[in-house]
PDB file of N, CA and C in Angstrom:
ATOM      1  N   MET A   1     -79.856   6.112 -55.389  1.00  0.00           N
ATOM      2  CA  MET A   1     -79.763   4.790 -56.663  1.00  0.00           C
ATOM      3  C   MET A   1     -79.381   3.552 -55.516  1.00  0.00           C
ATOM      4  N   GLU A   2     -78.448   3.895 -54.596  1.00  0.00           N
ATOM      5  CA  GLU A   2     -77.995   2.481 -53.904  1.00  0.00           C
ATOM      6  C   GLU A   2     -78.776   1.928 -52.920  1.00  0.00           C
ATOM      7  N   ALA A   3     -79.736   2.680 -52.446  1.00  0.00           N
ATOM      8  CA  ALA A   3     -80.467   1.891 -51.783  1.00  0.00           C
ATOM      9  C   ALA A   3     -81.944   1.032 -52.794  1.00  0.00           C
ATOM     10  N   TYR A   4     -81.870   1.571 -53.907  1.00  0.00           N
ATOM     11  CA  TYR A   4     -82.766   0.981 -54.793  1.00  0.00           C
ATOM     12  C   TYR A   4     -82.407  -0.433 -55.370  1.00  0.00           C
ATOM     13  N   LYS A   5     -81.001  -0.108 -55.451  1.00  0.00           N
ATOM     14  CA  LYS A   5     -80.382  -1.541 -55.727  1.00  0.00           C
ATOM     15  C   LYS A   5     -80.328  -2.325 -54.822  1.00  0.00           C
ATOM     16  N   ARG A   6     -80.307  -2.171 -53.643  1.00  0.00           N
ATOM     17  CA  ARG A   6     -80.401  -2.896 -52.581  1.00  0.00           C
ATOM     18  C   ARG A   6     -81.798  -3.684 -52.407  1.00  0.00           C
ATOM     19  N   ILE A   7     -83.131  -2.751 -52.734  1.00  0.00           N
ATOM     20  CA  ILE A   7     -84.291  -2.977 -52.473  1.00  0.00           C
ATOM     21  C   ILE A   7     -84.582  -4.295 -53.671  1.00  0.00           C
ATOM     22  N   VAL A   8     -83.846  -4.081 -54.846  1.00  0.00           N
ATOM     23  CA  VAL A   8     -83.723  -4.788 -56.037  1.00  0.00           C
ATOM     24  C   VAL A   8     -83.348  -6.212 -55.626  1.00  0.00           C
ATOM     25  N   GLU A   9     -82.137  -6.094 -55.006  1.00  0.00           N
ATOM     26  CA  GLU A   9     -81.489  -7.639 -54.939  1.00  0.00           C
ATOM     27  C   GLU A   9     -82.149  -8.185 -53.597  1.00  0.00           C
ATOM     28  N   ARG A  10     -82.825  -7.790 -52.652  1.00  0.00           N
ATOM     29  CA  ARG A  10     -83.805  -8.265 -51.734  1.00  0.00           C
ATOM     30  C   ARG A  10     -84.508  -8.759 -52.169  1.00  0.00           C
ATOM     31  N   TRP A  11     -85.985  -8.031 -53.184  1.00  0.00           N
ATOM     32  CA  TRP A  11     -86.490  -8.816 -53.972  1.00  0.00           C
ATOM     33  C   TRP A  11     -86.021  -9.942 -55.072  1.00  0.00           C
ATOM     34  N   ARG A  12     -84.955  -9.778 -55.018  1.00  0.00           N
ATOM     35  CA  ARG A  12     -84.910 -11.110 -56.106  1.00  0.00           C
ATOM     36  C   ARG A  12     -84.719 -12.347 -55.469  1.00  0.00           C
ATOM     37  N   LYS A  13     -84.508 -12.317 -53.839  1.00  0.00           N
ATOM     38  CA  LYS A  13     -84.535 -13.558 -52.998  1.00  0.00           C
ATOM     39  C   LYS A  13     -85.986 -14.180 -52.832  1.00  0.00           C
ATOM     40  N   ALA A  14     -86.922 -13.207 -53.230  1.00  0.00           N
ATOM     41  CA  ALA A  14     -88.552 -13.611 -53.436  1.00  0.00           C
ATOM     42  C   ALA A  14     -88.873 -14.760 -54.104  1.00  0.00           C
ATOM     43  N   PRO A  15     -89.836 -15.809 -53.495  1.00  0.00           N
ATOM     44  CA  PRO A  15     -90.069 -16.750 -54.323  1.00  0.00           C
ATOM     45  C   PRO A  15     -90.693 -16.557 -55.479  1.00  0.00           C
ATOM     46  N   GLY A  16     -90.416 -16.646 -56.751  1.00  0.00           N
ATOM     47  CA  GLY A  16     -90.722 -16.399 -57.891  1.00  0.00           C
ATOM     48  C   GLY A  16     -92.165 -16.868 -58.255  1.00  0.00           C
ATOM     49  N   ALA A  17     -92.442 -18.055 -58.096  1.00  0.00           N
ATOM     50  CA  ALA A  17     -93.924 -18.660 -58.320  1.00  0.00           C
ATOM     51  C   ALA A  17     -94.800 -17.871 -57.548  1.00  0.00           C
ATOM     52  N   ASP A  18     -94.523 -17.222 -56.409  1.00  0.00           N
ATOM     53  CA  ASP A  18     -95.600 -16.761 -55.633  1.00  0.00           C
ATOM     54  C   ASP A  18     -95.769 -15.201 -56.355  1.00  0.00           C
ATOM     55  N   LEU A  19     -94.688 -14.625 -56.720  1.00  0.00           N
ATOM     56  CA  LEU A  19     -94.802 -13.231 -57.416  1.00  0.00           C
ATOM     57  C   LEU A  19     -95.220 -13.518 -58.699  1.00  0.00           C
ATOM     58  N   ASP A  20     -95.275 -14.603 -59.466  1.00  0.00           N
ATOM     59  CA  ASP A  20     -95.465 -14.887 -60.888  1.00  0.00           C
ATOM     60  C   ASP A  20     -97.202 -14.890 -60.592  1.00  0.00           C
ATOM     61  N   LYS A  21     -97.582 -15.999 -59.893  1.00  0.00           N
ATOM     62  CA  LYS A  21     -98.961 -16.380 -59.767  1.00  0.00           C
ATOM     63  C   LYS A  21     -99.351 -16.347 -58.154  1.00  0.00           C
ATOM     64  N   PRO A  22     -99.906 -15.282 -57.593  1.00  0.00           N
ATOM     65  CA  PRO A  22    -100.131 -15.084 -56.418  1.00  0.00           C
ATOM     66  C   PRO A  22    -101.479 -15.857 -56.220  1.00  0.00           C
ATOM     67  N   PRO A  23    -101.788 -16.395 -54.906  1.00  0.00           N
ATOM     68  CA  PRO A  23    -102.976 -16.804 -54.898  1.00  0.00           C
ATOM     69  C   PRO A  23    -104.229 -15.890 -54.806  1.00  0.00           C
ATOM     70  N   LYS A  24    -105.554 -16.358 -55.529  1.00  0.00           N
ATOM     71  CA  LYS A  24    -106.558 -15.725 -55.927  1.00  0.00           C
ATOM     72  C   LYS A  24    -107.156 -15.253 -54.868  1.00  0.00           C
ATOM     73  N   THR A  25    -106.954 -15.296 -53.608  1.00  0.00           N
ATOM     74  CA  THR A  25    -107.834 -15.492 -52.524  1.00  0.00           C
ATOM     75  C   THR A  25    -106.791 -14.846 -51.385  1.00  0.00           C
ATOM     76  N   GLY A  26    -107.611 -13.650 -50.512  1.00  0.00           N
ATOM     77  CA  GLY A  26    -106.736 -13.247 -49.219  1.00  0.00           C
ATOM     78  C   GLY A  26    -107.092 -13.859 -48.189  1.00  0.00           C
ATOM     79  N   GLY A  27    -108.340 -14.697 -47.984  1.00  0.00           N
ATOM     80  CA  GLY A  27    -108.840 -15.558 -46.824  1.00  0.00           C
ATOM     81  C   GLY A  27    -108.122 -16.280 -46.580  1.00  0.00           C
ATOM     82  N   GLY A  28    -108.427 -17.060 -45.391  1.00  0.00           N
ATOM     83  CA  GLY A  28    -107.881 -18.250 -44.646  1.00  0.00           C
ATOM     84  C   GLY A  28    -106.644 -18.023 -44.695  1.00  0.00           C
ATOM     85  N   GLY A  29    -105.524 -17.427 -44.103  1.00  0.00           N
ATOM     86  CA  GLY A  29    -104.530 -17.316 -43.850  1.00  0.00           C
ATOM     87  C   GLY A  29    -103.445 -16.863 -44.836  1.00  0.00           C
ATOM     88  N   ILE A  30    -104.021 -16.990 -45.981  1.00  0.00           N
ATOM     89  CA  ILE A  30    -103.254 -16.963 -47.350  1.00  0.00           C
ATOM     90  C   ILE A  30    -101.844 -15.816 -47.250  1.00  0.00           C
ATOM     91  N   GLN A  31    -102.472 -14.620 -46.743  1.00  0.00           N
ATOM     92  CA  GLN A  31    -101.595 -13.673 -46.755  1.00  0.00           C
ATOM     93  C   GLN A  31    -100.615 -13.683 -45.990  1.00  0.00           C
ATOM     94  N   ASN A  32    -101.065 -14.333 -44.588  1.00  0.00           N
ATOM     95  CA  ASN A  32    -100.081 -14.396 -43.392  1.00  0.00           C
ATOM     96  C   ASN A  32     -98.711 -15.298 -43.895  1.00  0.00           C
ATOM     97  N   GLU A  33     -99.185 -16.642 -44.757  1.00  0.00           N
ATOM     98  CA  GLU A  33     -98.536 -17.520 -45.061  1.00  0.00           C
ATOM     99  C   GLU A  33     -97.486 -16.994 -45.994  1.00  0.00           C
ATOM    100  N   LEU A  34     -97.754 -15.857 -47.313  1.00  0.00           N
ATOM    101  CA  LEU A  34     -97.315 -15.761 -47.920  1.00  0.00           C
ATOM    102  C   LEU A  34     -96.340 -14.346 -47.741  1.00  0.00           C
ATOM    103  N   TYR A  35     -96.482 -13.767 -46.611  1.00  0.00           N
ATOM    104  CA  TYR A  35     -95.678 -12.552 -45.761  1.00  0.00           C
ATOM    105  C   TYR A  35     -94.496 -13.392 -45.088  1.00  0.00           C
ATOM    106  N   ASN A  36     -94.885 -14.534 -44.604  1.00  0.00           N
ATOM    107  CA  ASN A  36     -93.717 -15.429 -43.661  1.00  0.00           C
ATOM    108  C   ASN A  36     -92.805 -16.146 -44.864  1.00  0.00           C
ATOM    109  N   LYS A  37     -93.604 -16.441 -45.690  1.00  0.00           N
ATOM    110  CA  LYS A  37     -92.458 -17.271 -46.999  1.00  0.00           C
ATOM    111  C   LYS A  37     -91.776 -16.246 -47.181  1.00  0.00           C
ATOM    112  N   PHE A  38     -92.376 -15.420 -47.839  1.00  0.00           N
ATOM    113  CA  PHE A  38     -91.478 -14.295 -48.397  1.00  0.00           C
ATOM    114  C   PHE A  38     -90.160 -13.345 -47.286  1.00  0.00           C
ATOM    115  N   LYS A  39     -90.784 -13.237 -46.074  1.00  0.00           N
ATOM    116  CA  LYS A  39     -89.736 -12.743 -45.180  1.00  0.00           C
ATOM    117  C   LYS A  39     -88.494 -14.080 -45.040  1.00  0.00           C
ATOM    118  N   ILE A  40     -88.970 -14.913 -44.826  1.00  0.00           N
ATOM    119  CA  ILE A  40     -87.960 -16.316 -44.651  1.00  0.00           C
ATOM    120  C   ILE A  40     -87.029 -16.329 -45.260  1.00  0.00           C
ATOM    121  N   ALA A  41     -87.759 -15.876 -46.801  1.00  0.00           N
ATOM    122  CA  ALA A  41     -86.551 -16.134 -48.180  1.00  0.00           C
ATOM    123  C   ALA A  41     -85.672 -14.834 -48.317  1.00  0.00           C
ATOM    124  N   MET A  42     -86.320 -13.697 -48.013  1.00  0.00           N
ATOM    125  CA  MET A  42     -85.579 -12.320 -47.988  1.00  0.00           C
ATOM    126  C   MET A  42     -84.857 -11.934 -47.174  1.00  0.00           C
ATOM    127  N   PHE A  43     -85.110 -12.203 -45.886  1.00  0.00           N
ATOM    128  CA  PHE A  43     -83.787 -11.763 -44.598  1.00  0.00           C
ATOM    129  C   PHE A  43     -83.455 -12.878 -43.773  1.00  0.00           C
ATOM    130  N   SER A  44     -82.459 -12.201 -43.098  1.00  0.00           N
ATOM    131  CA  SER A  44     -81.741 -13.334 -42.174  1.00  0.00           C
ATOM    132  C   SER A  44     -82.428 -13.579 -40.857  1.00  0.00           C
ATOM    133  N   THR A  45     -82.132 -14.598 -40.231  1.00  0.00           N
ATOM    134  CA  THR A  45     -82.647 -14.544 -39.019  1.00  0.00           C
ATOM    135  C   THR A  45     -82.515 -13.060 -38.104  1.00  0.00           C
ATOM    136  N   HIS A  46     -81.312 -12.469 -38.118  1.00  0.00           N
ATOM    137  CA  HIS A  46     -81.262 -11.199 -37.244  1.00  0.00           C
ATOM    138  C   HIS A  46     -82.256 -10.366 -37.646  1.00  0.00           C
ATOM    139  N   GLU A  47     -82.256 -10.226 -39.280  1.00  0.00           N
ATOM    140  CA  GLU A  47     -83.008  -9.475 -39.699  1.00  0.00           C
ATOM    141  C   GLU A  47     -84.617  -9.556 -39.283  1.00  0.00           C
ATOM    142  N   ILE A  48     -84.988 -10.743 -39.231  1.00  0.00           N
ATOM    143  CA  ILE A  48     -86.115 -11.225 -38.812  1.00  0.00           C
ATOM    144  C   ILE A  48     -86.710 -10.761 -37.656  1.00  0.00           C
ATOM    145  N   GLU A  49     -85.606 -10.696 -36.615  1.00  0.00           N
ATOM    146  CA  GLU A  49     -85.866 -10.396 -35.114  1.00  0.00           C
ATOM    147  C   GLU A  49     -85.840  -9.032 -34.721  1.00  0.00           C
ATOM    148  N   LYS A  50     -85.311  -8.096 -35.533  1.00  0.00           N
ATOM    149  CA  LYS A  50     -85.394  -6.632 -35.853  1.00  0.00           C
ATOM    150  C   LYS A  50     -86.808  -6.345 -36.166  1.00  0.00           C
ATOM    151  N   LEU A  51     -87.246  -6.794 -37.235  1.00  0.00           N
ATOM    152  CA  LEU A  51     -88.552  -6.840 -37.783  1.00  0.00           C
ATOM    153  C   LEU A  51     -89.428  -7.024 -36.986  1.00  0.00           C
ATOM    154  N   ALA A  52     -89.435  -8.122 -36.185  1.00  0.00           N
ATOM    155  CA  ALA A  52     -90.662  -8.444 -34.991  1.00  0.00           C
ATOM    156  C   ALA A  52     -90.337  -7.473 -34.011  1.00  0.00           C
ATOM    157  N   THR A  53     -89.333  -7.307 -33.379  1.00  0.00           N
ATOM    158  CA  THR A  53     -89.356  -5.994 -32.496  1.00  0.00           C
ATOM    159  C   THR A  53     -89.857  -4.636 -33.000  1.00  0.00           C
ATOM    160  N   ALA A  54     -89.434  -4.207 -34.017  1.00  0.00           N
ATOM    161  CA  ALA A  54     -90.214  -3.066 -34.662  1.00  0.00           C
ATOM    162  C   ALA A  54     -91.713  -3.293 -34.780  1.00  0.00           C
ATOM    163  N   GLN A  55     -92.205  -4.329 -35.487  1.00  0.00           N
ATOM    164  CA  GLN A  55     -93.489  -4.492 -35.522  1.00  0.00           C
ATOM    165  C   GLN A  55     -93.982  -4.640 -33.930  1.00  0.00           C
ATOM    166  N   ASP A  56     -93.685  -5.004 -33.105  1.00  0.00           N
ATOM    167  CA  ASP A  56     -94.368  -5.330 -31.958  1.00  0.00           C
ATOM    168  C   ASP A  56     -94.560  -3.896 -31.201  1.00  0.00           C
ATOM    169  N   SER A  57     -93.162  -3.141 -31.369  1.00  0.00           N
ATOM    170  CA  SER A  57     -93.458  -1.582 -31.019  1.00  0.00           C
ATOM    171  C   SER A  57     -94.532  -0.543 -31.773  1.00  0.00           C
ATOM    172  N   LEU A  58     -94.606  -0.883 -32.774  1.00  0.00           N
ATOM    173  CA  LEU A  58     -95.662  -0.182 -33.635  1.00  0.00           C
ATOM    174  C   LEU A  58     -96.972  -0.715 -33.443  1.00  0.00           C
ATOM    175  N   LYS A  59     -96.964  -2.064 -33.312  1.00  0.00           N
ATOM    176  CA  LYS A  59     -98.355  -2.235 -32.630  1.00  0.00           C
ATOM    177  C   LYS A  59     -98.791  -1.626 -31.373  1.00  0.00           C
ATOM    178  N   THR A  60     -98.171  -1.665 -30.355  1.00  0.00           N
ATOM    179  CA  THR A  60     -98.238  -1.093 -29.267  1.00  0.00           C
ATOM    180  C   THR A  60     -98.542   0.242 -28.968  1.00  0.00           C
ATOM    181  N   LYS A  61     -97.817   1.122 -30.016  1.00  0.00           N
ATOM    182  CA  LYS A  61     -98.247   2.446 -30.214  1.00  0.00           C
ATOM    183  C   LYS A  61     -99.259   2.877 -30.787  1.00  0.00           C
ATOM    184  N   LEU A  62     -99.813   1.899 -31.832  1.00  0.00           N
ATOM    185  CA  LEU A  62    -101.191   2.005 -32.490  1.00  0.00           C
ATOM    186  C   LEU A  62    -102.117   1.619 -31.639  1.00  0.00           C
ATOM    187  N   LEU A  63    -102.196   0.615 -30.796  1.00  0.00           N
ATOM    188  CA  LEU A  63    -102.990   0.326 -29.898  1.00  0.00           C
ATOM    189  C   LEU A  63    -103.112   1.409 -29.034  1.00  0.00           C
ATOM    190  N   LYS A  64    -102.337   2.149 -28.219  1.00  0.00           N
ATOM    191  CA  LYS A  64    -102.660   3.650 -27.508  1.00  0.00           C
ATOM    192  C   LYS A  64    -103.204   4.473 -28.210  1.00  0.00           C
ATOM    193  N   LEU A  65    -102.971   4.551 -29.162  1.00  0.00           N
ATOM    194  CA  LEU A  65    -103.347   5.842 -29.948  1.00  0.00           C
ATOM    195  C   LEU A  65    -104.892   5.269 -30.308  1.00  0.00           C
ATOM    196  N   GLY A  66    -105.268   4.131 -30.366  1.00  0.00           N
ATOM    197  CA  GLY A  66    -106.708   3.735 -30.807  1.00  0.00           C
ATOM    198  C   GLY A  66    -106.931   3.630 -32.298  1.00  0.00           C
ATOM    199  N   GLY A  67    -105.334   3.476 -33.015  1.00  0.00           N
ATOM    200  CA  GLY A  67    -105.595   3.243 -34.547  1.00  0.00           C
ATOM    201  C   GLY A  67    -105.440   1.541 -34.942  1.00  0.00           C
ATOM    202  N   LEU A  68    -105.363   0.916 -33.671  1.00  0.00           N
ATOM    203  CA  LEU A  68    -105.509  -0.307 -33.613  1.00  0.00           C
ATOM    204  C   LEU A  68    -106.237  -1.344 -32.670  1.00  0.00           C
ATOM    205  N   ILE A  69    -107.113  -1.964 -33.103  1.00  0.00           N
ATOM    206  CA  ILE A  69    -107.917  -2.775 -32.150  1.00  0.00           C
ATOM    207  C   ILE A  69    -107.318  -3.947 -31.576  1.00  0.00           C
ATOM    208  N   GLY A  70    -106.989  -4.205 -30.422  1.00  0.00           N
ATOM    209  CA  GLY A  70    -106.582  -5.510 -30.023  1.00  0.00           C
ATOM    210  C   GLY A  70    -107.224  -6.322 -29.640  1.00  0.00           C
TER     211      GLY A  70
END
């Protein structure tokens, strides 16, 4: 239950307007813009750096497995 509370607390930092009325399109880089906007609002600089490291590691593994095309 404690983990749930932390998740809810984190999501409360997300930009409300983008949650209430998300863009109608997924093209044109809109999803990446929203991801970055939410990430900046919801995480500290240190956490964002850790996320980037984890993302790079996962991407490398997926490329090697053939689960992602580079």
